[in-house]
All heavy atoms as atom14 arrays in JSON, in Angstrom:
{
  "sequence": "IALAKINPEAPLEGAALFACGLSTGLGAALRTAKVEPGSTAVVFGAG",
  "atom14_mask": [
    [1, 1, 1, 1, 1, 1, 1, 1, 0, 0, 0, 0, 0, 0],
    [1, 1, 1, 1, 1, 0, 0, 0, 0, 0, 0, 0, 0, 0],
    [1, 1, 1, 1, 1, 1, 1, 1, 0, 0, 0, 0, 0, 0],
    [1, 1, 1, 1, 1, 0, 0, 0, 0, 0, 0, 0, 0, 0],
    [1, 1, 1, 1, 1, 1, 1, 1, 1, 0, 0, 0, 0, 0],
    [1, 1, 1, 1, 1, 1, 1, 1, 0, 0, 0, 0, 0, 0],
    [1, 1, 1, 1, 1, 1, 1, 1, 0, 0, 0, 0, 0, 0],
    [1, 1, 1, 1, 1, 1, 1, 0, 0, 0, 0, 0, 0, 0],
    [1, 1, 1, 1, 1, 1, 1, 1, 1, 0, 0, 0, 0, 0],
    [1, 1, 1, 1, 1, 0, 0, 0, 0, 0, 0, 0, 0, 0],
    [1, 1, 1, 1, 1, 1, 1, 0, 0, 0, 0, 0, 0, 0],
    [1, 1, 1, 1, 1, 1, 1, 1, 0, 0, 0, 0, 0, 0],
    [1, 1, 1, 1, 1, 1, 1, 1, 1, 0, 0, 0, 0, 0],
    [1, 1, 1, 1, 0, 0, 0, 0, 0, 0, 0, 0, 0, 0],
    [1, 1, 1, 1, 1, 0, 0, 0, 0, 0, 0, 0, 0, 0],
    [1, 1, 1, 1, 1, 0, 0, 0, 0, 0, 0, 0, 0, 0],
    [1, 1, 1, 1, 1, 1, 1, 1, 0, 0, 0, 0, 0, 0],
    [1, 1, 1, 1, 1, 1, 1, 1, 1, 1, 1, 0, 0, 0],
    [1, 1, 1, 1, 1, 0, 0, 0, 0, 0, 0, 0, 0, 0],
    [1, 1, 1, 1, 1, 1, 0, 0, 0, 0, 0, 0, 0, 0],
    [1, 1, 1, 1, 0, 0, 0, 0, 0, 0, 0, 0, 0, 0],
    [1, 1, 1, 1, 1, 1, 1, 1, 0, 0, 0, 0, 0, 0],
    [1, 1, 1, 1, 1, 1, 0, 0, 0, 0, 0, 0, 0, 0],
    [1, 1, 1, 1, 1, 1, 1, 0, 0, 0, 0, 0, 0, 0],
    [1, 1, 1, 1, 0, 0, 0, 0, 0, 0, 0, 0, 0, 0],
    [1, 1, 1, 1, 1, 1, 1, 1, 0, 0, 0, 0, 0, 0],
    [1, 1, 1, 1, 0, 0, 0, 0, 0, 0, 0, 0, 0, 0],
    [1, 1, 1, 1, 1, 0, 0, 0, 0, 0, 0, 0, 0, 0],
    [1, 1, 1, 1, 1, 0, 0, 0, 0, 0, 0, 0, 0, 0],
    [1, 1, 1, 1, 1, 1, 1, 1, 0, 0, 0, 0, 0, 0],
    [1, 1, 1, 1, 1, 1, 1, 1, 1, 1, 1, 0, 0, 0],
    [1, 1, 1, 1, 1, 1, 1, 0, 0, 0, 0, 0, 0, 0],
    [1, 1, 1, 1, 1, 0, 0, 0, 0, 0, 0, 0, 0, 0],
    [1, 1, 1, 1, 1, 1, 1, 1, 1, 0, 0, 0, 0, 0],
    [1, 1, 1, 1, 1, 1, 1, 0, 0, 0, 0, 0, 0, 0],
    [1, 1, 1, 1, 1, 1, 1, 1, 1, 0, 0, 0, 0, 0],
    [1, 1, 1, 1, 1, 1, 1, 0, 0, 0, 0, 0, 0, 0],
    [1, 1, 1, 1, 0, 0, 0, 0, 0, 0, 0, 0, 0, 0],
    [1, 1, 1, 1, 1, 1, 0, 0, 0, 0, 0, 0, 0, 0],
    [1, 1, 1, 1, 1, 1, 1, 0, 0, 0, 0, 0, 0, 0],
    [1, 1, 1, 1, 1, 0, 0, 0, 0, 0, 0, 0, 0, 0],
    [1, 1, 1, 1, 1, 1, 1, 0, 0, 0, 0, 0, 0, 0],
    [1, 1, 1, 1, 1, 1, 1, 0, 0, 0, 0, 0, 0, 0],
    [1, 1, 1, 1, 1, 1, 1, 1, 1, 1, 1, 0, 0, 0],
    [1, 1, 1, 1, 0, 0, 0, 0, 0, 0, 0, 0, 0, 0],
    [1, 1, 1, 1, 1, 0, 0, 0, 0, 0, 0, 0, 0, 0],
    [1, 1, 1, 1, 0, 0, 0, 0, 0, 0, 0, 0, 0, 0]
  ],
  "atom14_positions": [
    [[34.62, 18.47, 55.19], [33.51, 18.4, 54.24], [33.33, 19.71, 53.49], [32.48, 19.8, 52.58], [32.19, 18.02, 54.94], [31.8, 19.08, 55.98], [32.3, 16.64, 55.56], [30.41, 18.86, 56.57], [0.0, 0.0, 0.0], [0.0, 0.0, 0.0], [0.0, 0.0, 0.0], [0.0, 0.0, 0.0], [0.0, 0.0, 0.0], [0.0, 0.0, 0.0]],
    [[34.11, 20.73, 53.82], [34.04, 22.02, 53.15], [35.26, 22.26, 52.27], [35.64, 23.41, 52.01], [33.88, 23.15, 54.17], [0.0, 0.0, 0.0], [0.0, 0.0, 0.0], [0.0, 0.0, 0.0], [0.0, 0.0, 0.0], [0.0, 0.0, 0.0], [0.0, 0.0, 0.0], [0.0, 0.0, 0.0], [0.0, 0.0, 0.0], [0.0, 0.0, 0.0]],
    [[35.88, 21.18, 51.81], [37.02, 21.28, 50.91], [36.83, 20.36, 49.71], [36.44, 19.2, 49.87], [38.32, 20.89, 51.64], [38.78, 21.82, 52.75], [39.9, 21.18, 53.55], [39.23, 23.17, 52.19], [0.0, 0.0, 0.0], [0.0, 0.0, 0.0], [0.0, 0.0, 0.0], [0.0, 0.0, 0.0], [0.0, 0.0, 0.0], [0.0, 0.0, 0.0]],
    [[37.08, 20.89, 48.52], [37.02, 20.09, 47.31], [38.44, 19.78, 46.86], [39.22, 20.7, 46.58], [36.27, 20.83, 46.21], [0.0, 0.0, 0.0], [0.0, 0.0, 0.0], [0.0, 0.0, 0.0], [0.0, 0.0, 0.0], [0.0, 0.0, 0.0], [0.0, 0.0, 0.0], [0.0, 0.0, 0.0], [0.0, 0.0, 0.0], [0.0, 0.0, 0.0]],
    [[38.79, 18.52, 46.78], [40.11, 18.11, 46.31], [40.13, 18.21, 44.79], [39.27, 17.67, 44.1], [40.4, 16.67, 46.74], [41.75, 16.14, 46.3], [41.93, 14.7, 46.77], [43.21, 14.1, 46.24], [43.37, 12.68, 46.68], [0.0, 0.0, 0.0], [0.0, 0.0, 0.0], [0.0, 0.0, 0.0], [0.0, 0.0, 0.0], [0.0, 0.0, 0.0]],
    [[41.14, 18.94, 44.26], [41.15, 19.23, 42.83], [42.43, 18.73, 42.16], [43.39, 18.32, 42.82], [41.0, 20.75, 42.58], [42.21, 21.51, 43.13], [39.7, 21.27, 43.17], [42.3, 22.95, 42.68], [0.0, 0.0, 0.0], [0.0, 0.0, 0.0], [0.0, 0.0, 0.0], [0.0, 0.0, 0.0], [0.0, 0.0, 0.0], [0.0, 0.0, 0.0]],
    [[42.44, 18.81, 40.84], [43.59, 18.44, 40.03], [44.81, 19.27, 40.45], [44.77, 20.51, 40.39], [43.25, 18.71, 38.56], [44.36, 18.3, 37.61], [45.5, 18.08, 37.99], [44.02, 18.23, 36.33], [0.0, 0.0, 0.0], [0.0, 0.0, 0.0], [0.0, 0.0, 0.0], [0.0, 0.0, 0.0], [0.0, 0.0, 0.0], [0.0, 0.0, 0.0]],
    [[45.9, 18.65, 40.89], [47.07, 19.42, 41.33], [47.74, 20.21, 40.22], [48.57, 21.08, 40.49], [48.0, 18.34, 41.9], [47.58, 17.08, 41.22], [46.11, 17.2, 41.02], [0.0, 0.0, 0.0], [0.0, 0.0, 0.0], [0.0, 0.0, 0.0], [0.0, 0.0, 0.0], [0.0, 0.0, 0.0], [0.0, 0.0, 0.0], [0.0, 0.0, 0.0]],
    [[47.4, 19.94, 38.97], [47.97, 20.68, 37.84], [47.25, 22.01, 37.61], [47.74, 22.86, 36.86], [47.91, 19.83, 36.57], [48.68, 18.51, 36.65], [50.16, 18.74, 36.89], [50.73, 19.66, 36.27], [50.75, 18.0, 37.71], [0.0, 0.0, 0.0], [0.0, 0.0, 0.0], [0.0, 0.0, 0.0], [0.0, 0.0, 0.0], [0.0, 0.0, 0.0]],
    [[46.1, 22.19, 38.21], [45.32, 23.41, 37.99], [45.96, 24.59, 38.72], [46.22, 24.5, 39.93], [43.89, 23.21, 38.47], [0.0, 0.0, 0.0], [0.0, 0.0, 0.0], [0.0, 0.0, 0.0], [0.0, 0.0, 0.0], [0.0, 0.0, 0.0], [0.0, 0.0, 0.0], [0.0, 0.0, 0.0], [0.0, 0.0, 0.0], [0.0, 0.0, 0.0]],
    [[46.22, 25.71, 38.04], [46.78, 26.89, 38.72], [45.82, 27.36, 39.82], [44.63, 27.57, 39.57], [46.89, 27.92, 37.6], [46.95, 27.12, 36.34], [46.08, 25.92, 36.59], [0.0, 0.0, 0.0], [0.0, 0.0, 0.0], [0.0, 0.0, 0.0], [0.0, 0.0, 0.0], [0.0, 0.0, 0.0], [0.0, 0.0, 0.0], [0.0, 0.0, 0.0]],
    [[46.34, 27.53, 41.01], [45.47, 27.81, 42.15], [44.87, 29.21, 42.1], [43.79, 29.43, 42.65], [46.23, 27.59, 43.45], [46.52, 26.11, 43.76], [47.46, 25.97, 44.95], [45.23, 25.35, 44.02], [0.0, 0.0, 0.0], [0.0, 0.0, 0.0], [0.0, 0.0, 0.0], [0.0, 0.0, 0.0], [0.0, 0.0, 0.0], [0.0, 0.0, 0.0]],
    [[45.53, 30.17, 41.43], [44.92, 31.5, 41.34], [43.66, 31.47, 40.49], [42.73, 32.27, 40.71], [45.92, 32.53, 40.8], [46.37, 32.31, 39.37], [47.58, 31.4, 39.27], [47.89, 30.69, 40.26], [48.24, 31.42, 38.2], [0.0, 0.0, 0.0], [0.0, 0.0, 0.0], [0.0, 0.0, 0.0], [0.0, 0.0, 0.0], [0.0, 0.0, 0.0]],
    [[43.59, 30.58, 39.53], [42.37, 30.41, 38.75], [41.37, 29.51, 39.46], [40.17, 29.76, 39.45], [0.0, 0.0, 0.0], [0.0, 0.0, 0.0], [0.0, 0.0, 0.0], [0.0, 0.0, 0.0], [0.0, 0.0, 0.0], [0.0, 0.0, 0.0], [0.0, 0.0, 0.0], [0.0, 0.0, 0.0], [0.0, 0.0, 0.0], [0.0, 0.0, 0.0]],
    [[41.87, 28.49, 40.11], [41.0, 27.55, 40.83], [40.22, 28.25, 41.93], [39.08, 27.87, 42.24], [41.83, 26.41, 41.42], [0.0, 0.0, 0.0], [0.0, 0.0, 0.0], [0.0, 0.0, 0.0], [0.0, 0.0, 0.0], [0.0, 0.0, 0.0], [0.0, 0.0, 0.0], [0.0, 0.0, 0.0], [0.0, 0.0, 0.0], [0.0, 0.0, 0.0]],
    [[40.8, 29.3, 42.52], [40.12, 30.01, 43.6], [38.77, 30.55, 43.16], [37.81, 30.6, 43.95], [41.01, 31.15, 44.12], [0.0, 0.0, 0.0], [0.0, 0.0, 0.0], [0.0, 0.0, 0.0], [0.0, 0.0, 0.0], [0.0, 0.0, 0.0], [0.0, 0.0, 0.0], [0.0, 0.0, 0.0], [0.0, 0.0, 0.0], [0.0, 0.0, 0.0]],
    [[38.63, 30.95, 41.91], [37.38, 31.53, 41.43], [36.25, 30.52, 41.43], [35.08, 30.89, 41.47], [37.57, 32.11, 40.02], [38.7, 33.12, 39.85], [38.64, 33.74, 38.46], [38.65, 34.2, 40.91], [0.0, 0.0, 0.0], [0.0, 0.0, 0.0], [0.0, 0.0, 0.0], [0.0, 0.0, 0.0], [0.0, 0.0, 0.0], [0.0, 0.0, 0.0]],
    [[36.6, 29.23, 41.4], [35.58, 28.19, 41.45], [35.04, 27.99, 42.86], [34.09, 27.23, 43.06], [36.15, 26.87, 40.93], [36.4, 26.85, 39.45], [37.58, 27.35, 38.91], [35.45, 26.35, 38.58], [37.82, 27.33, 37.55], [35.67, 26.32, 37.21], [36.87, 26.83, 36.68], [0.0, 0.0, 0.0], [0.0, 0.0, 0.0], [0.0, 0.0, 0.0]],
    [[35.62, 28.66, 43.85], [35.15, 28.55, 45.22], [33.85, 29.31, 45.44], [33.16, 29.08, 46.43], [36.21, 29.06, 46.2], [0.0, 0.0, 0.0], [0.0, 0.0, 0.0], [0.0, 0.0, 0.0], [0.0, 0.0, 0.0], [0.0, 0.0, 0.0], [0.0, 0.0, 0.0], [0.0, 0.0, 0.0], [0.0, 0.0, 0.0], [0.0, 0.0, 0.0]],
    [[33.52, 30.24, 44.52], [32.28, 30.98, 44.67], [31.76, 31.47, 43.33], [30.96, 30.82, 42.69], [32.45, 32.15, 45.65], [30.92, 33.09, 45.92], [0.0, 0.0, 0.0], [0.0, 0.0, 0.0], [0.0, 0.0, 0.0], [0.0, 0.0, 0.0], [0.0, 0.0, 0.0], [0.0, 0.0, 0.0], [0.0, 0.0, 0.0], [0.0, 0.0, 0.0]],
    [[32.23, 32.64, 42.89], [31.59, 33.35, 41.8], [31.46, 32.58, 40.51], [30.37, 32.5, 39.91], [0.0, 0.0, 0.0], [0.0, 0.0, 0.0], [0.0, 0.0, 0.0], [0.0, 0.0, 0.0], [0.0, 0.0, 0.0], [0.0, 0.0, 0.0], [0.0, 0.0, 0.0], [0.0, 0.0, 0.0], [0.0, 0.0, 0.0], [0.0, 0.0, 0.0]],
    [[32.55, 32.01, 40.02], [32.52, 31.33, 38.73], [31.64, 30.09, 38.79], [30.81, 29.84, 37.9], [33.93, 30.98, 38.28], [34.08, 30.31, 36.91], [33.34, 31.08, 35.83], [35.55, 30.17, 36.56], [0.0, 0.0, 0.0], [0.0, 0.0, 0.0], [0.0, 0.0, 0.0], [0.0, 0.0, 0.0], [0.0, 0.0, 0.0], [0.0, 0.0, 0.0]],
    [[31.78, 29.3, 39.84], [30.95, 28.1, 39.98], [29.48, 28.46, 40.12], [28.6, 27.75, 39.62], [31.4, 27.28, 41.19], [32.64, 26.64, 40.95], [0.0, 0.0, 0.0], [0.0, 0.0, 0.0], [0.0, 0.0, 0.0], [0.0, 0.0, 0.0], [0.0, 0.0, 0.0], [0.0, 0.0, 0.0], [0.0, 0.0, 0.0], [0.0, 0.0, 0.0]],
    [[29.19, 29.56, 40.81], [27.8, 29.98, 40.98], [27.15, 30.25, 39.63], [26.02, 29.83, 39.36], [27.72, 31.23, 41.86], [28.2, 30.91, 43.18], [26.29, 31.75, 41.97], [0.0, 0.0, 0.0], [0.0, 0.0, 0.0], [0.0, 0.0, 0.0], [0.0, 0.0, 0.0], [0.0, 0.0, 0.0], [0.0, 0.0, 0.0], [0.0, 0.0, 0.0]],
    [[27.86, 30.95, 38.74], [27.31, 31.24, 37.43], [27.22, 30.01, 36.55], [26.19, 29.75, 35.9], [0.0, 0.0, 0.0], [0.0, 0.0, 0.0], [0.0, 0.0, 0.0], [0.0, 0.0, 0.0], [0.0, 0.0, 0.0], [0.0, 0.0, 0.0], [0.0, 0.0, 0.0], [0.0, 0.0, 0.0], [0.0, 0.0, 0.0], [0.0, 0.0, 0.0]],
    [[28.3, 29.23, 36.51], [28.29, 28.0, 35.71], [27.17, 27.07, 36.17], [26.41, 26.53, 35.35], [29.63, 27.29, 35.83], [30.83, 27.94, 35.13], [32.13, 27.31, 35.64], [30.73, 27.79, 33.61], [0.0, 0.0, 0.0], [0.0, 0.0, 0.0], [0.0, 0.0, 0.0], [0.0, 0.0, 0.0], [0.0, 0.0, 0.0], [0.0, 0.0, 0.0]],
    [[27.08, 26.89, 37.48], [26.08, 25.98, 38.01], [24.66, 26.47, 37.79], [23.74, 25.66, 37.58], [0.0, 0.0, 0.0], [0.0, 0.0, 0.0], [0.0, 0.0, 0.0], [0.0, 0.0, 0.0], [0.0, 0.0, 0.0], [0.0, 0.0, 0.0], [0.0, 0.0, 0.0], [0.0, 0.0, 0.0], [0.0, 0.0, 0.0], [0.0, 0.0, 0.0]],
    [[24.44, 27.79, 37.82], [23.1, 28.33, 37.59], [22.58, 27.87, 36.24], [21.4, 27.53, 36.09], [23.12, 29.85, 37.68], [0.0, 0.0, 0.0], [0.0, 0.0, 0.0], [0.0, 0.0, 0.0], [0.0, 0.0, 0.0], [0.0, 0.0, 0.0], [0.0, 0.0, 0.0], [0.0, 0.0, 0.0], [0.0, 0.0, 0.0], [0.0, 0.0, 0.0]],
    [[23.47, 27.87, 35.24], [23.07, 27.46, 33.9], [23.04, 25.94, 33.75], [22.09, 25.37, 33.18], [24.0, 28.07, 32.86], [0.0, 0.0, 0.0], [0.0, 0.0, 0.0], [0.0, 0.0, 0.0], [0.0, 0.0, 0.0], [0.0, 0.0, 0.0], [0.0, 0.0, 0.0], [0.0, 0.0, 0.0], [0.0, 0.0, 0.0], [0.0, 0.0, 0.0]],
    [[24.08, 25.28, 34.24], [24.23, 23.84, 34.0], [23.42, 22.99, 34.96], [22.94, 21.91, 34.58], [25.71, 23.46, 34.11], [26.64, 24.06, 33.05], [28.1, 23.81, 33.43], [26.34, 23.47, 31.68], [0.0, 0.0, 0.0], [0.0, 0.0, 0.0], [0.0, 0.0, 0.0], [0.0, 0.0, 0.0], [0.0, 0.0, 0.0], [0.0, 0.0, 0.0]],
    [[23.25, 23.45, 36.21], [22.62, 22.61, 37.22], [21.23, 23.13, 37.62], [20.26, 22.37, 37.6], [23.53, 22.52, 38.45], [22.96, 21.69, 39.6], [22.69, 20.24, 39.2], [23.87, 19.57, 38.69], [24.82, 19.01, 39.43], [24.73, 19.04, 40.75], [25.85, 18.42, 38.87], [0.0, 0.0, 0.0], [0.0, 0.0, 0.0], [0.0, 0.0, 0.0]],
    [[21.12, 24.41, 37.98], [19.82, 24.89, 38.43], [18.83, 24.97, 37.27], [17.74, 24.4, 37.33], [19.96, 26.28, 39.09], [20.87, 26.21, 40.19], [18.6, 26.76, 39.61], [0.0, 0.0, 0.0], [0.0, 0.0, 0.0], [0.0, 0.0, 0.0], [0.0, 0.0, 0.0], [0.0, 0.0, 0.0], [0.0, 0.0, 0.0], [0.0, 0.0, 0.0]],
    [[19.2, 25.68, 36.2], [18.29, 25.85, 35.08], [18.3, 24.66, 34.12], [17.31, 24.39, 33.44], [18.63, 27.13, 34.32], [0.0, 0.0, 0.0], [0.0, 0.0, 0.0], [0.0, 0.0, 0.0], [0.0, 0.0, 0.0], [0.0, 0.0, 0.0], [0.0, 0.0, 0.0], [0.0, 0.0, 0.0], [0.0, 0.0, 0.0], [0.0, 0.0, 0.0]],
    [[19.42, 23.97, 34.05], [19.58, 22.86, 33.1], [19.25, 23.33, 31.68], [18.36, 22.8, 31.0], [18.73, 21.66, 33.5], [19.11, 21.03, 34.83], [18.23, 19.84, 35.15], [18.68, 19.12, 36.41], [18.56, 19.95, 37.63], [0.0, 0.0, 0.0], [0.0, 0.0, 0.0], [0.0, 0.0, 0.0], [0.0, 0.0, 0.0], [0.0, 0.0, 0.0]],
    [[20.0, 24.33, 31.23], [19.79, 24.9, 29.91], [19.84, 23.81, 28.84], [20.73, 22.94, 28.87], [20.85, 25.99, 29.62], [20.81, 26.43, 28.16], [20.63, 27.18, 30.54], [0.0, 0.0, 0.0], [0.0, 0.0, 0.0], [0.0, 0.0, 0.0], [0.0, 0.0, 0.0], [0.0, 0.0, 0.0], [0.0, 0.0, 0.0], [0.0, 0.0, 0.0]],
    [[18.9, 23.86, 27.92], [18.81, 22.84, 26.89], [19.48, 23.29, 25.59], [19.48, 24.48, 25.27], [17.35, 22.5, 26.61], [16.63, 21.88, 27.8], [15.17, 21.6, 27.51], [14.55, 22.39, 26.76], [14.64, 20.59, 28.01], [0.0, 0.0, 0.0], [0.0, 0.0, 0.0], [0.0, 0.0, 0.0], [0.0, 0.0, 0.0], [0.0, 0.0, 0.0]],
    [[20.03, 22.35, 24.83], [20.63, 22.69, 23.53], [19.61, 23.36, 22.62], [18.43, 23.0, 22.61], [21.07, 21.33, 22.98], [21.23, 20.46, 24.19], [20.18, 20.91, 25.15], [0.0, 0.0, 0.0], [0.0, 0.0, 0.0], [0.0, 0.0, 0.0], [0.0, 0.0, 0.0], [0.0, 0.0, 0.0], [0.0, 0.0, 0.0], [0.0, 0.0, 0.0]],
    [[20.08, 24.35, 21.86], [19.23, 25.03, 20.91], [18.36, 26.12, 21.49], [17.59, 26.76, 20.75], [0.0, 0.0, 0.0], [0.0, 0.0, 0.0], [0.0, 0.0, 0.0], [0.0, 0.0, 0.0], [0.0, 0.0, 0.0], [0.0, 0.0, 0.0], [0.0, 0.0, 0.0], [0.0, 0.0, 0.0], [0.0, 0.0, 0.0], [0.0, 0.0, 0.0]],
    [[18.44, 26.35, 22.78], [17.58, 27.33, 23.45], [18.17, 28.74, 23.4], [19.3, 28.95, 22.94], [17.36, 26.92, 24.91], [18.6, 26.86, 25.59], [0.0, 0.0, 0.0], [0.0, 0.0, 0.0], [0.0, 0.0, 0.0], [0.0, 0.0, 0.0], [0.0, 0.0, 0.0], [0.0, 0.0, 0.0], [0.0, 0.0, 0.0], [0.0, 0.0, 0.0]],
    [[17.39, 29.69, 23.89], [17.83, 31.08, 24.02], [17.93, 31.42, 25.49], [16.99, 31.18, 26.27], [16.85, 32.05, 23.33], [16.86, 31.81, 21.93], [17.25, 33.5, 23.59], [0.0, 0.0, 0.0], [0.0, 0.0, 0.0], [0.0, 0.0, 0.0], [0.0, 0.0, 0.0], [0.0, 0.0, 0.0], [0.0, 0.0, 0.0], [0.0, 0.0, 0.0]],
    [[19.07, 31.97, 25.89], [19.29, 32.37, 27.28], [19.68, 33.84, 27.32], [20.41, 34.32, 26.45], [20.39, 31.51, 27.92], [0.0, 0.0, 0.0], [0.0, 0.0, 0.0], [0.0, 0.0, 0.0], [0.0, 0.0, 0.0], [0.0, 0.0, 0.0], [0.0, 0.0, 0.0], [0.0, 0.0, 0.0], [0.0, 0.0, 0.0], [0.0, 0.0, 0.0]],
    [[19.2, 34.54, 28.35], [19.57, 35.93, 28.56], [20.15, 36.06, 29.96], [19.54, 35.62, 30.94], [18.36, 36.88, 28.42], [18.77, 38.32, 28.71], [17.77, 36.78, 27.02], [0.0, 0.0, 0.0], [0.0, 0.0, 0.0], [0.0, 0.0, 0.0], [0.0, 0.0, 0.0], [0.0, 0.0, 0.0], [0.0, 0.0, 0.0], [0.0, 0.0, 0.0]],
    [[21.33, 36.64, 30.06], [22.02, 36.82, 31.34], [22.07, 38.31, 31.66], [22.61, 39.11, 30.88], [23.44, 36.25, 31.3], [24.14, 36.49, 32.63], [23.4, 34.76, 30.97], [0.0, 0.0, 0.0], [0.0, 0.0, 0.0], [0.0, 0.0, 0.0], [0.0, 0.0, 0.0], [0.0, 0.0, 0.0], [0.0, 0.0, 0.0], [0.0, 0.0, 0.0]],
    [[21.49, 38.7, 32.78], [21.52, 40.08, 33.25], [22.69, 40.25, 34.21], [22.69, 39.67, 35.3], [20.21, 40.43, 33.95], [19.03, 40.53, 33.04], [18.35, 39.38, 32.62], [18.57, 41.76, 32.61], [17.26, 39.46, 31.78], [17.47, 41.87, 31.77], [16.81, 40.71, 31.35], [0.0, 0.0, 0.0], [0.0, 0.0, 0.0], [0.0, 0.0, 0.0]],
    [[23.7, 41.01, 33.79], [24.87, 41.23, 34.63], [26.07, 40.49, 34.09], [26.02, 39.27, 33.87], [0.0, 0.0, 0.0], [0.0, 0.0, 0.0], [0.0, 0.0, 0.0], [0.0, 0.0, 0.0], [0.0, 0.0, 0.0], [0.0, 0.0, 0.0], [0.0, 0.0, 0.0], [0.0, 0.0, 0.0], [0.0, 0.0, 0.0], [0.0, 0.0, 0.0]],
    [[27.16, 41.23, 33.86], [28.38, 40.63, 33.32], [29.52, 40.75, 34.31], [30.66, 41.05, 33.95], [28.76, 41.28, 31.98], [0.0, 0.0, 0.0], [0.0, 0.0, 0.0], [0.0, 0.0, 0.0], [0.0, 0.0, 0.0], [0.0, 0.0, 0.0], [0.0, 0.0, 0.0], [0.0, 0.0, 0.0], [0.0, 0.0, 0.0], [0.0, 0.0, 0.0]],
    [[29.21, 40.51, 35.59], [30.25, 40.34, 36.58], [30.69, 38.89, 36.61], [30.42, 38.12, 35.67], [0.0, 0.0, 0.0], [0.0, 0.0, 0.0], [0.0, 0.0, 0.0], [0.0, 0.0, 0.0], [0.0, 0.0, 0.0], [0.0, 0.0, 0.0], [0.0, 0.0, 0.0], [0.0, 0.0, 0.0], [0.0, 0.0, 0.0], [0.0, 0.0, 0.0]]
  ]
}
């Protein structure tokens, strides 16, 4: 239950970033905040 089955064509060195950092940022905007079209967003930190 702690494994996500992914597209086998996806390069695994890039896919690894979705295991934590990249997904955390993407999800914060898309899922937690549910940013709306036309809005203004400010992100503190460019890691």
